[in-house]
Each structure stands twice: as C-alpha cells, then as structure tokens.
Amino acid sequence: MMRRAIIILVLTICLLGGMSSGAEDKTPVSAPDIFALSATPLNDAPEFSELSGQITLLILFQPHCAWCPLQFRAADELKRTRANWLQIAAVSRQGSIPQLLHELDRYGVDFPAYQSSEALLEALKYTPGTPCIYLIAADGHLGQYTCGRKTPDELVKFLMGKL
C-alpha cells in the first residue's frame, strides 16, 4: 500500500510540475525535455535519451565530492528496499571522463552515469555544490530538486513532495 501511495504521489508531483516546502528545495517554473539534451554516457550507460519514458531520480555528482558516495548508496538502498520501480541515473557537474569513471568505481553503485553538457547543467538549474537530487518526469520535464546529502528516509519524503 505504501509503495502504491508513493507512486501516486510521485506521478502527481511530476504532472503538476513539483512542489517545494523547504528553503533548499527548488521548483523551476519551466524546463526543456531533459532527456533531449546532450550528455556523454560513461559506465556502459545507454544513450541519455533512452532514459525517457520513466520517472527518474537524477543525482548530480563530481570528482572529490565527500558526500556523493554516501548519496549514491542511499539512492541504491531506496531503489532496492522501497522504490524498485524508480529509475536512477547520475550526471556530472564537472570532471574529465577518466576522473568521473574513477569516482563511479569508488562509489560501487551501478547507476547509468553521464558527463553533463553545458545545456544539461543549465536545464538542471546548475548549483555550486554536490550532491543534488532531481526528480524528472517520464516526459523529461524537471519536477523538483534538492541539494545536500539525503538519507533513504529523506529521499522517500522528497519523492512524496514532503521534504
């Protein structure tokens, strides 16, 4: 029952363009189809456009980010234990391909990951730090986002629009 409630709430948030209740959470007015923007696949990831069609939790990461490995593990736990229907992917804020591949190996989680383009970062409302979490609707539009490391419980609240 809880899983069904989370799915319904996430779909509602994505369709309504997101909701925000915290000072650090942001809800953009409008954004392009995120999945139509350029991104270079890293770890045997499919083309970025192939993520379209599913609700996606997108994690923004960068080399030498102290909190990023913890955020990846929390997202992995969320998917394994509470939201196996959720697609999770990662995009870089900066870094060369070798640096990013090294970071992904260090994180030990197998989400598809991408090196961002300038256009993608702009559409994601580029932030000065990482990690940031973005909820992308199945049609590629940005629903909401929040920055700073989140626990699996906080990620559930984020998905429900209550963080």
Protein backbone atom coordinates (compact mmCIF):
# COMPACT_ATOMS: atom_id res chain seq x y z
CA MET A 1 0.00 0.00 0.00
CA MET A 2 2.85 2.40 0.89
CA ARG A 3 4.54 1.67 -2.45
CA ARG A 4 1.34 2.47 -4.33
CA ALA A 5 0.89 5.72 -2.37
CA ILE A 6 4.46 6.78 -3.17
CA ILE A 7 3.98 6.04 -6.89
CA ILE A 8 0.74 8.05 -7.00
CA LEU A 9 2.30 10.97 -5.16
CA VAL A 10 5.40 10.99 -7.39
CA LEU A 11 3.27 10.92 -10.53
CA THR A 12 1.13 13.76 -9.18
CA ILE A 13 4.19 15.86 -8.34
CA CYS A 14 5.71 15.27 -11.76
CA LEU A 15 2.48 16.12 -13.54
CA LEU A 16 1.92 19.29 -11.55
CA GLY A 17 5.49 20.48 -12.03
CA GLY A 18 6.60 19.77 -8.47
CA MET A 19 6.05 21.31 -5.08
CA SER A 20 8.53 22.79 -2.64
CA SER A 21 8.33 23.29 1.09
CA GLY A 22 11.93 23.76 2.20
CA ALA A 23 14.31 26.66 1.69
CA GLU A 24 16.84 24.46 -0.09
CA ASP A 25 14.30 22.72 -2.33
CA LYS A 26 13.67 24.36 -5.68
CA THR A 27 10.82 24.09 -8.15
CA PRO A 28 11.63 25.54 -11.57
CA VAL A 29 8.93 27.38 -13.49
CA SER A 30 9.69 25.58 -16.74
CA ALA A 31 12.42 23.42 -18.21
CA PRO A 32 13.05 21.67 -21.51
CA ASP A 33 12.88 17.94 -22.05
CA ILE A 34 15.94 16.99 -20.00
CA PHE A 35 16.43 13.71 -21.88
CA ALA A 36 16.64 15.52 -25.24
CA LEU A 37 19.79 17.35 -24.10
CA SER A 38 23.34 16.20 -24.73
CA ALA A 39 25.21 14.00 -22.23
CA THR A 40 28.12 11.60 -22.77
CA PRO A 41 27.47 8.04 -21.49
CA LEU A 42 30.13 6.87 -19.04
CA ASN A 43 29.85 3.41 -17.47
CA ASP A 44 28.29 1.41 -20.32
CA ALA A 45 25.21 3.58 -19.86
CA PRO A 46 22.63 3.76 -22.65
CA GLU A 47 22.21 6.99 -24.58
CA PHE A 48 20.78 9.67 -22.28
CA SER A 49 17.65 9.98 -24.44
CA GLU A 50 16.84 6.31 -23.72
CA LEU A 51 16.03 7.22 -20.10
CA SER A 52 12.91 9.00 -21.34
CA GLY A 53 9.60 7.36 -20.56
CA GLN A 54 10.24 6.60 -16.89
CA ILE A 55 10.24 8.69 -13.75
CA THR A 56 13.90 9.26 -12.95
CA LEU A 57 15.81 10.29 -9.86
CA LEU A 58 18.89 12.04 -11.22
CA ILE A 59 21.92 12.53 -8.96
CA LEU A 60 24.37 15.34 -9.72
CA PHE A 61 27.92 14.36 -8.71
CA GLN A 62 31.51 15.50 -9.22
CA PRO A 63 35.06 14.28 -8.56
CA HIS A 64 36.31 14.54 -4.97
CA CYS A 65 32.82 15.04 -3.55
CA ALA A 66 32.87 13.74 0.02
CA TRP A 67 29.09 13.24 0.20
CA CYS A 68 28.49 11.75 -3.25
CA PRO A 69 29.39 8.11 -2.41
CA LEU A 70 27.01 8.25 0.55
CA GLN A 71 24.26 9.74 -1.64
CA PHE A 72 24.72 7.02 -4.26
CA ARG A 73 24.48 4.32 -1.59
CA ALA A 74 21.35 5.92 -0.09
CA ALA A 75 19.73 6.07 -3.54
CA ASP A 76 20.70 2.44 -4.16
CA GLU A 77 19.13 1.43 -0.83
CA LEU A 78 15.97 3.37 -1.70
CA LYS A 79 15.66 1.54 -5.02
CA ARG A 80 16.39 -1.90 -3.53
CA THR A 81 14.13 -1.62 -0.48
CA ARG A 82 11.34 0.85 -1.25
CA ALA A 83 11.13 2.00 -4.85
CA ASN A 84 12.24 -0.70 -7.30
CA TRP A 85 10.06 1.00 -9.94
CA LEU A 86 12.21 4.15 -9.83
CA GLN A 87 14.88 4.71 -12.47
CA ILE A 88 18.06 6.23 -11.02
CA ALA A 89 20.86 7.81 -13.05
CA ALA A 90 23.73 10.21 -12.40
CA VAL A 91 25.14 13.23 -14.23
CA SER A 92 28.40 15.02 -13.56
CA ARG A 93 28.74 18.63 -12.54
CA GLN A 94 32.33 18.73 -13.78
CA GLY A 95 35.32 16.46 -14.34
CA SER A 96 37.06 14.61 -17.12
CA ILE A 97 35.87 11.19 -18.26
CA PRO A 98 38.78 9.38 -16.50
CA GLN A 99 38.07 11.28 -13.25
CA LEU A 100 34.37 10.50 -13.44
CA LEU A 101 34.93 6.81 -14.17
CA HIS A 102 37.29 6.65 -11.18
CA GLU A 103 34.62 8.22 -8.96
CA LEU A 104 31.96 5.80 -10.18
CA ASP A 105 34.25 2.85 -9.42
CA ARG A 106 34.85 4.29 -5.95
CA TYR A 107 31.10 4.61 -5.31
CA GLY A 108 30.48 0.95 -6.07
CA VAL A 109 26.93 1.50 -7.38
CA ASP A 110 25.88 0.67 -10.94
CA PHE A 111 23.58 3.53 -11.91
CA PRO A 112 23.90 4.69 -15.52
CA ALA A 113 26.07 7.80 -15.44
CA TYR A 114 26.76 10.64 -17.85
CA GLN A 115 29.17 13.52 -18.33
CA SER A 116 26.97 16.62 -18.49
CA SER A 117 26.84 19.18 -21.22
CA GLU A 118 26.50 22.92 -20.52
CA ALA A 119 22.90 22.81 -21.77
CA LEU A 120 22.03 19.94 -19.42
CA LEU A 121 23.53 21.72 -16.40
CA GLU A 122 21.65 24.89 -17.29
CA ALA A 123 18.36 22.98 -17.60
CA LEU A 124 19.01 21.32 -14.25
CA LYS A 125 19.38 24.75 -12.64
CA TYR A 126 23.13 24.39 -12.14
CA THR A 127 24.15 24.52 -8.49
CA PRO A 128 27.52 25.29 -6.91
CA GLY A 129 27.81 22.03 -4.99
CA THR A 130 27.01 18.34 -4.97
CA PRO A 131 25.23 16.08 -4.45
CA CYS A 132 21.91 17.36 -5.78
CA ILE A 133 18.86 15.23 -6.49
CA TYR A 134 16.44 15.92 -9.35
CA LEU A 135 13.06 14.31 -9.98
CA ILE A 136 12.49 14.07 -13.73
CA ALA A 137 9.06 13.19 -15.10
CA ALA A 138 8.63 10.45 -17.70
CA ASP A 139 8.25 13.17 -20.36
CA GLY A 140 11.65 14.63 -19.40
CA HIS A 141 10.46 17.70 -17.53
CA LEU A 142 12.03 18.68 -14.22
CA GLY A 143 9.63 18.21 -11.33
CA GLN A 144 11.66 19.33 -8.32
CA TYR A 145 15.16 19.24 -6.89
CA THR A 146 17.04 19.48 -3.65
CA CYS A 147 20.72 19.71 -2.76
CA GLY A 148 22.72 18.18 0.05
CA ARG A 149 23.06 14.55 1.08
CA LYS A 150 19.76 12.80 1.76
CA THR A 151 19.13 9.57 3.65
CA PRO A 152 16.80 6.92 2.19
CA ASP A 153 14.03 8.21 4.50
CA GLU A 154 14.58 11.77 3.29
CA LEU A 155 14.53 10.54 -0.31
CA VAL A 156 11.10 8.98 0.30
CA LYS A 157 9.89 12.34 1.67
CA PHE A 158 11.39 14.07 -1.38
CA LEU A 159 9.54 11.69 -3.72
CA MET A 160 6.33 12.41 -1.84
CA GLY A 161 6.86 16.19 -2.04
CA LYS A 162 7.24 16.49 1.74
CA LEU A 163 10.90 17.45 2.06
